[in-house]
C-alpha cells in the first residue's frame, strides 16, 4: 500500500509541471478558493472555465483541478459541458473542489460520472463550505455564520493542497447517501430549468442603467435594452446579476424576493466580469487570510 501511495505521489509531482486549475464563479467564492489553492500548490495557472470553453483547445493537463459552486445539489451546467470536452493527458490526475453554501449534494459523483463517460477517472472530490450565495437560502442564520465560514477556508485549502501533492485518490466529499440521492433527483429536474431561469428576474424602477449585470454575466445572457437589462435563454443560474447589482434593483419572483445579497468581500465585479470578456485570466482574488472579516451583504432598497 505504501509503495502504491509513493508511486502515485511521484507521478503527480512529475505531472505538476503540466498542471492547471480551472474555476467558475458568480459570487466570487470559488475564485477565492481557486486562488488560494493555486498559491498553496506553488502558483498553478488559473483559467476560467468560461474562457476554456470558448478559446482554442488548451494543451492537455497532467494534473487538473476544477473549482466551482454547487447549484441545486449538483454541477453548474457550464461546468458539466467543460468536463465533457476539456483536453486531458492519458491517465491524468483530475480532482474537483466544490464550494457549496450548505451541502454538496451528489456533485462529485456527478462529475465522476461525466468524466467516466470519457474513460477518465476522477481522482478525488473535495468540498469547501463557503457563505451561502443562493438568495432563497440567504437567511439570517446563514448571514451570521459568514465570518466563521470564511475563517476556516485557509485550513481547508491547505489540507486539499497537501492531499493533491500526495496524489490522494478515492475522496468523495458528497452528502451522505439519502441526501445525496435526493439531491441528485432535484438537480436532474432543476438543471433543465436553468437556461430559462432568467425569465424569473425582474428589474425595479430604481435601476441605475449601469450595465454591470450584463458585464458580470459569465455567458453573455443579459442585454441592456432602453437602459434596462433583459435576459435570454442561456442562464446559468449563478445569480451574479442579482448579487453584484450596486443598487439592488434586480429581484427574482418567489422565495428570493427581498433576500440579502452576497458576494465575496475579497472579489470585485471586474474580476467576475473578466472571466468572460478577457482572453487573459483575471487578477487573483485576495486570499482568505487577507479578506475583510465581513462579507458584502446588502438588502435591496424599498
Protein backbone atom coordinates (compact mmCIF):
# COMPACT_ATOMS: atom_id res chain seq x y z
CA UNK A 1 0.00 0.00 0.00
CA UNK A 2 2.77 2.42 0.91
CA UNK A 3 4.58 1.61 -2.31
CA UNK A 4 1.43 2.42 -4.27
CA UNK A 5 0.96 5.71 -2.42
CA UNK A 6 4.59 6.64 -3.02
CA UNK A 7 4.36 5.84 -6.71
CA UNK A 8 1.21 7.91 -7.06
CA UNK A 9 2.82 10.85 -5.29
CA UNK A 10 5.87 10.68 -7.56
CA UNK A 11 3.64 10.54 -10.62
CA UNK A 12 1.54 13.51 -9.51
CA UNK A 13 4.55 15.62 -8.58
CA UNK A 14 6.07 14.91 -12.01
CA UNK A 15 2.81 15.87 -13.71
CA UNK A 16 2.54 19.15 -11.76
CA UNK A 17 4.65 20.76 -14.49
CA UNK A 18 1.60 20.49 -16.76
CA UNK A 19 -1.00 21.31 -14.11
CA UNK A 20 -3.86 23.80 -14.27
CA UNK A 21 -6.72 24.96 -12.06
CA UNK A 22 -10.00 25.87 -13.73
CA UNK A 23 -12.65 27.90 -11.93
CA UNK A 24 -16.19 29.14 -12.38
CA UNK A 25 -17.86 31.64 -10.06
CA UNK A 26 -20.79 34.04 -9.82
CA UNK A 27 -20.37 35.30 -6.26
CA UNK A 28 -16.56 35.10 -6.08
CA UNK A 29 -16.49 32.23 -3.57
CA UNK A 30 -14.97 29.72 -5.98
CA UNK A 31 -12.49 32.28 -7.33
CA UNK A 32 -11.15 32.88 -3.82
CA UNK A 33 -10.78 29.15 -3.15
CA UNK A 34 -9.13 28.59 -6.54
CA UNK A 35 -6.70 31.48 -5.96
CA UNK A 36 -5.73 30.20 -2.51
CA UNK A 37 -5.31 26.66 -3.82
CA UNK A 38 -3.16 27.87 -6.71
CA UNK A 39 -0.84 29.62 -4.26
CA UNK A 40 -0.73 26.58 -1.97
CA UNK A 41 0.29 24.41 -4.93
CA UNK A 42 3.15 26.71 -5.89
CA UNK A 43 1.48 29.00 -8.41
CA UNK A 44 -0.51 26.60 -10.57
CA UNK A 45 -2.05 28.55 -13.50
CA UNK A 46 -5.66 29.70 -13.07
CA UNK A 47 -8.00 29.58 -16.07
CA UNK A 48 -11.72 30.49 -16.08
CA UNK A 49 -13.96 27.66 -17.27
CA UNK A 50 -15.81 30.15 -19.48
CA UNK A 51 -12.65 31.04 -21.38
CA UNK A 52 -11.54 27.42 -21.63
CA UNK A 53 -14.80 26.61 -23.42
CA UNK A 54 -14.63 29.41 -25.98
CA UNK A 55 -10.92 29.63 -26.74
CA UNK A 56 -8.89 27.16 -28.85
CA UNK A 57 -8.23 23.88 -27.08
CA UNK A 58 -5.50 24.21 -24.47
CA UNK A 59 -2.58 21.82 -24.09
CA UNK A 60 -3.80 18.74 -22.19
CA UNK A 61 -3.02 18.84 -18.49
CA UNK A 62 -1.50 16.03 -16.46
CA UNK A 63 -2.92 17.40 -13.21
CA UNK A 64 -6.24 19.27 -13.46
CA UNK A 65 -8.37 20.75 -10.71
CA UNK A 66 -11.79 22.32 -11.18
CA UNK A 67 -13.27 24.66 -8.56
CA UNK A 68 -16.96 25.51 -8.80
CA UNK A 69 -20.14 26.31 -6.85
CA UNK A 70 -22.99 23.85 -6.33
CA UNK A 71 -26.33 24.62 -7.98
CA UNK A 72 -29.38 22.69 -6.80
CA UNK A 73 -27.15 20.00 -5.25
CA UNK A 74 -25.19 19.39 -8.46
CA UNK A 75 -22.85 20.70 -11.15
CA UNK A 76 -23.45 24.03 -12.85
CA UNK A 77 -24.41 23.27 -16.45
CA UNK A 78 -21.37 25.12 -17.76
CA UNK A 79 -19.03 23.00 -15.61
CA UNK A 80 -20.66 19.83 -16.91
CA UNK A 81 -20.08 20.98 -20.51
CA UNK A 82 -16.48 21.76 -19.64
CA UNK A 83 -15.84 18.32 -18.12
CA UNK A 84 -17.32 16.72 -21.22
CA UNK A 85 -14.85 18.44 -23.56
CA UNK A 86 -11.67 19.61 -21.76
CA UNK A 87 -8.47 18.14 -23.29
CA UNK A 88 -6.68 15.75 -20.94
CA UNK A 89 -3.46 13.77 -20.99
CA UNK A 90 -3.58 10.00 -20.86
CA UNK A 91 -4.28 8.85 -17.28
CA UNK A 92 -4.50 12.38 -15.79
CA UNK A 93 -4.88 13.25 -12.11
CA UNK A 94 -8.22 15.08 -12.07
CA UNK A 95 -9.78 16.49 -8.91
CA UNK A 96 -12.79 18.65 -8.14
CA UNK A 97 -13.38 21.22 -5.40
CA UNK A 98 -16.98 22.22 -4.73
CA UNK A 99 -17.89 25.37 -2.76
CA UNK A 100 -21.50 24.94 -1.56
CA UNK A 101 -23.16 27.19 0.95
CA UNK A 102 -24.93 24.38 2.79
CA UNK A 103 -24.40 20.84 1.41
CA UNK A 104 -22.67 19.47 -1.70
CA UNK A 105 -25.39 17.01 -2.63
CA UNK A 106 -24.12 14.47 -5.15
CA UNK A 107 -21.86 16.87 -7.04
CA UNK A 108 -18.56 14.94 -7.02
CA UNK A 109 -20.15 11.67 -8.07
CA UNK A 110 -21.94 13.57 -10.83
CA UNK A 111 -18.56 14.88 -12.02
CA UNK A 112 -17.19 11.35 -11.75
CA UNK A 113 -19.98 10.06 -13.98
CA UNK A 114 -19.40 12.76 -16.61
CA UNK A 115 -15.68 12.02 -16.74
CA UNK A 116 -16.33 8.29 -16.68
CA UNK A 117 -18.21 8.58 -19.97
CA UNK A 118 -14.88 9.68 -21.45
CA UNK A 119 -12.97 6.87 -19.81
CA UNK A 120 -11.39 9.29 -17.33
CA UNK A 121 -11.29 8.60 -13.59
CA UNK A 122 -11.96 11.32 -11.02
CA UNK A 123 -9.10 11.02 -8.55
CA UNK A 124 -10.73 12.97 -5.71
CA UNK A 125 -13.53 15.39 -4.92
CA UNK A 126 -13.26 17.82 -2.01
CA UNK A 127 -15.76 20.26 -0.55
CA UNK A 128 -15.05 23.69 0.97
CA UNK A 129 -18.09 25.20 2.67
CA UNK A 130 -18.50 28.88 1.80
CA UNK A 131 -21.06 31.57 2.69
CA UNK A 132 -24.41 30.89 1.08
CA UNK A 133 -24.93 32.90 -2.13
CA UNK A 134 -28.19 31.36 -3.32
CA UNK A 135 -30.70 34.08 -2.49
CA UNK A 136 -33.64 31.88 -1.41
CA UNK A 137 -31.34 30.38 1.25
CA UNK A 138 -29.73 33.68 2.24
CA UNK A 139 -31.40 33.80 5.65
CA UNK A 140 -30.34 35.50 8.87
CA UNK A 141 -28.86 32.24 10.17
CA UNK A 142 -26.54 31.90 7.17
CA UNK A 143 -25.59 35.59 7.31
CA UNK A 144 -24.49 35.29 10.93
CA UNK A 145 -22.16 32.38 10.16
CA UNK A 146 -20.45 34.11 7.21
CA UNK A 147 -17.39 35.36 9.10
CA UNK A 148 -16.89 31.96 10.77
CA UNK A 149 -17.08 30.14 7.45
CA UNK A 150 -14.57 32.48 5.81
CA UNK A 151 -12.06 32.00 8.63
CA UNK A 152 -12.00 28.24 8.01
CA UNK A 153 -11.18 28.43 4.30
CA UNK A 154 -7.40 28.65 4.61
CA UNK A 155 -7.18 25.47 6.65
CA UNK A 156 -9.40 23.53 4.26
CA UNK A 157 -7.41 24.71 1.25
CA UNK A 158 -4.11 23.76 2.90
CA UNK A 159 -5.44 20.25 3.56
CA UNK A 160 -6.56 19.86 -0.05
CA UNK A 161 -3.23 21.11 -1.41
CA UNK A 162 -1.39 18.58 0.72
CA UNK A 163 -3.64 15.79 -0.47
CA UNK A 164 -3.13 16.76 -4.12
CA UNK A 165 0.65 16.75 -3.70
CA UNK A 166 0.38 13.26 -2.18
CA UNK A 167 -1.69 12.09 -5.15
CA UNK A 168 -4.55 11.06 -2.88
CA UNK A 169 -7.40 9.20 -4.55
CA UNK A 170 -10.84 7.94 -3.66
CA UNK A 171 -12.08 11.01 -1.74
CA UNK A 172 -15.72 11.93 -2.44
CA UNK A 173 -16.89 14.64 -0.07
CA UNK A 174 -20.53 14.48 -1.10
CA UNK A 175 -23.53 14.48 1.20
CA UNK A 176 -24.48 11.23 2.94
CA UNK A 177 -26.39 8.74 0.84
CA UNK A 178 -30.07 9.69 1.49
CA UNK A 179 -29.39 13.40 0.99
CA UNK A 180 -27.11 12.78 -1.98
CA UNK A 181 -29.73 10.62 -3.71
CA UNK A 182 -32.48 13.18 -3.10
CA UNK A 183 -30.17 15.97 -4.23
CA UNK A 184 -29.36 14.13 -7.45
CA UNK A 185 -33.07 13.86 -8.26
CA UNK A 186 -33.63 17.57 -7.52
CA UNK A 187 -30.66 18.52 -9.68
CA UNK A 188 -31.78 16.48 -12.68
CA UNK A 189 -35.07 18.38 -12.68
CA UNK A 190 -33.59 21.80 -11.91
CA UNK A 191 -30.77 21.66 -14.47
CA UNK A 192 -33.32 21.55 -17.28
CA UNK A 193 -34.86 24.75 -15.92
CA UNK A 194 -31.60 26.73 -15.57
CA UNK A 195 -31.33 28.08 -19.16
CA UNK A 196 -34.71 29.82 -18.96
CA UNK A 197 -34.35 30.91 -15.33
CA UNK A 198 -33.73 34.48 -16.49
CA UNK A 199 -37.46 34.83 -17.04
CA UNK A 200 -37.82 34.87 -13.26
CA UNK A 201 -35.78 38.05 -12.80
CA UNK A 202 -37.38 41.46 -12.66
CA UNK A 203 -35.96 44.98 -12.55
CA UNK A 204 -37.10 47.64 -10.11
CA UNK A 205 -37.71 51.26 -11.08
CA UNK A 206 -34.58 52.44 -9.28
CA UNK A 207 -32.31 50.56 -11.74
CA UNK A 208 -29.33 52.84 -12.50
CA UNK A 209 -28.90 51.50 -16.06
CA UNK A 210 -25.19 50.96 -15.34
CA UNK A 211 -24.99 47.69 -17.30
CA UNK A 212 -22.95 45.90 -14.63
CA UNK A 213 -25.37 42.97 -14.66
CA UNK A 214 -24.59 42.35 -18.33
CA UNK A 215 -20.85 42.58 -17.74
CA UNK A 216 -20.77 40.08 -14.85
CA UNK A 217 -22.99 37.52 -16.60
CA UNK A 218 -20.47 34.76 -17.39
CA UNK A 219 -22.26 33.58 -20.54
CA UNK A 220 -23.44 36.89 -22.03
CA UNK A 221 -27.09 36.08 -21.40
CA UNK A 222 -28.04 39.66 -20.49
CA UNK A 223 -28.53 42.55 -22.89
CA UNK A 224 -29.37 46.12 -21.95
CA UNK A 225 -32.36 47.44 -23.88
CA UNK A 226 -33.57 51.00 -23.35
CA UNK A 227 -31.48 51.20 -20.20
CA UNK A 228 -32.93 48.04 -18.64
CA UNK A 229 -31.50 44.50 -18.57
CA UNK A 230 -33.20 41.72 -20.49
CA UNK A 231 -32.43 38.02 -20.03
CA UNK A 232 -32.08 35.44 -22.78
CA UNK A 233 -32.36 31.66 -22.60
CA UNK A 234 -28.78 30.69 -21.71
CA UNK A 235 -28.90 31.42 -17.97
CA UNK A 236 -26.51 29.50 -15.71
CA UNK A 237 -28.48 30.37 -12.55
CA UNK A 238 -25.35 31.86 -10.96
CA UNK A 239 -27.22 34.95 -9.66
CA UNK A 240 -24.21 37.16 -10.45
CA UNK A 241 -26.51 39.80 -11.94
CA UNK A 242 -28.54 39.98 -8.75
CA UNK A 243 -25.65 39.70 -6.28
CA UNK A 244 -23.49 42.38 -7.94
CA UNK A 245 -26.19 44.96 -8.77
CA UNK A 246 -24.88 48.09 -6.98
CA UNK A 247 -28.37 49.40 -6.20
CA UNK A 248 -30.16 46.11 -5.52
CA UNK A 249 -32.55 46.67 -8.41
CA UNK A 250 -32.64 43.06 -9.66
CA UNK A 251 -35.09 40.76 -7.93
CA UNK A 252 -36.46 37.30 -8.54
CA UNK A 253 -40.00 36.23 -8.05
CA UNK A 254 -40.97 33.86 -5.29
CA UNK A 255 -38.75 32.83 -2.39
CA UNK A 256 -35.79 35.03 -3.32
CA UNK A 257 -37.75 38.30 -3.08
CA UNK A 258 -36.07 40.80 -0.74
CA UNK A 259 -33.39 38.35 0.39
CA UNK A 260 -29.98 39.64 1.40
CA UNK A 261 -27.41 39.81 -1.36
CA UNK A 262 -23.92 38.36 -1.05
CA UNK A 263 -20.65 38.40 -2.93
CA UNK A 264 -17.25 37.55 -1.53
CA UNK A 265 -15.64 40.62 0.10
CA UNK A 266 -12.22 39.97 -1.45
CA UNK A 267 -13.53 39.84 -5.02
CA UNK A 268 -14.52 42.68 -7.34
CA UNK A 269 -17.15 42.79 -10.05
CA UNK A 270 -14.34 43.37 -12.56
CA UNK A 271 -12.76 40.02 -11.63
CA UNK A 272 -16.06 38.22 -12.19
CA UNK A 273 -16.60 40.04 -15.50
CA UNK A 274 -13.05 39.22 -16.63
CA UNK A 275 -13.78 35.50 -16.73
CA UNK A 276 -15.74 36.11 -19.91
CA UNK A 277 -14.58 39.39 -21.52
CA UNK A 278 -10.82 38.91 -21.44
CA UNK A 279 -8.50 36.41 -23.05
CA UNK A 280 -6.23 36.76 -20.03
CA UNK A 281 -7.02 35.31 -16.58
CA UNK A 282 -8.39 37.97 -14.20
CA UNK A 283 -6.19 39.32 -11.42
CA UNK A 284 -6.21 36.92 -8.46
CA UNK A 285 -8.59 37.46 -5.63
CA UNK A 286 -7.25 38.16 -2.20
CA UNK A 287 -6.51 35.03 -0.24
CA UNK A 288 -8.98 34.31 2.55
CA UNK A 289 -6.48 35.46 5.18
CA UNK A 290 -6.36 38.91 3.56
CA UNK A 291 -10.09 39.23 3.07
CA UNK A 292 -12.16 41.60 5.22
CA UNK A 293 -13.84 40.00 8.20
CA UNK A 294 -17.32 40.77 6.98
CA UNK A 295 -18.94 39.91 3.69
CA UNK A 296 -20.52 42.20 1.17
CA UNK A 297 -24.14 41.88 2.14
CA UNK A 298 -26.98 44.16 1.22
CA UNK A 299 -30.74 44.24 1.06
CA UNK A 300 -32.46 45.91 -1.88
CA UNK A 301 -33.97 49.31 -1.17
CA UNK A 302 -37.73 49.57 -0.92
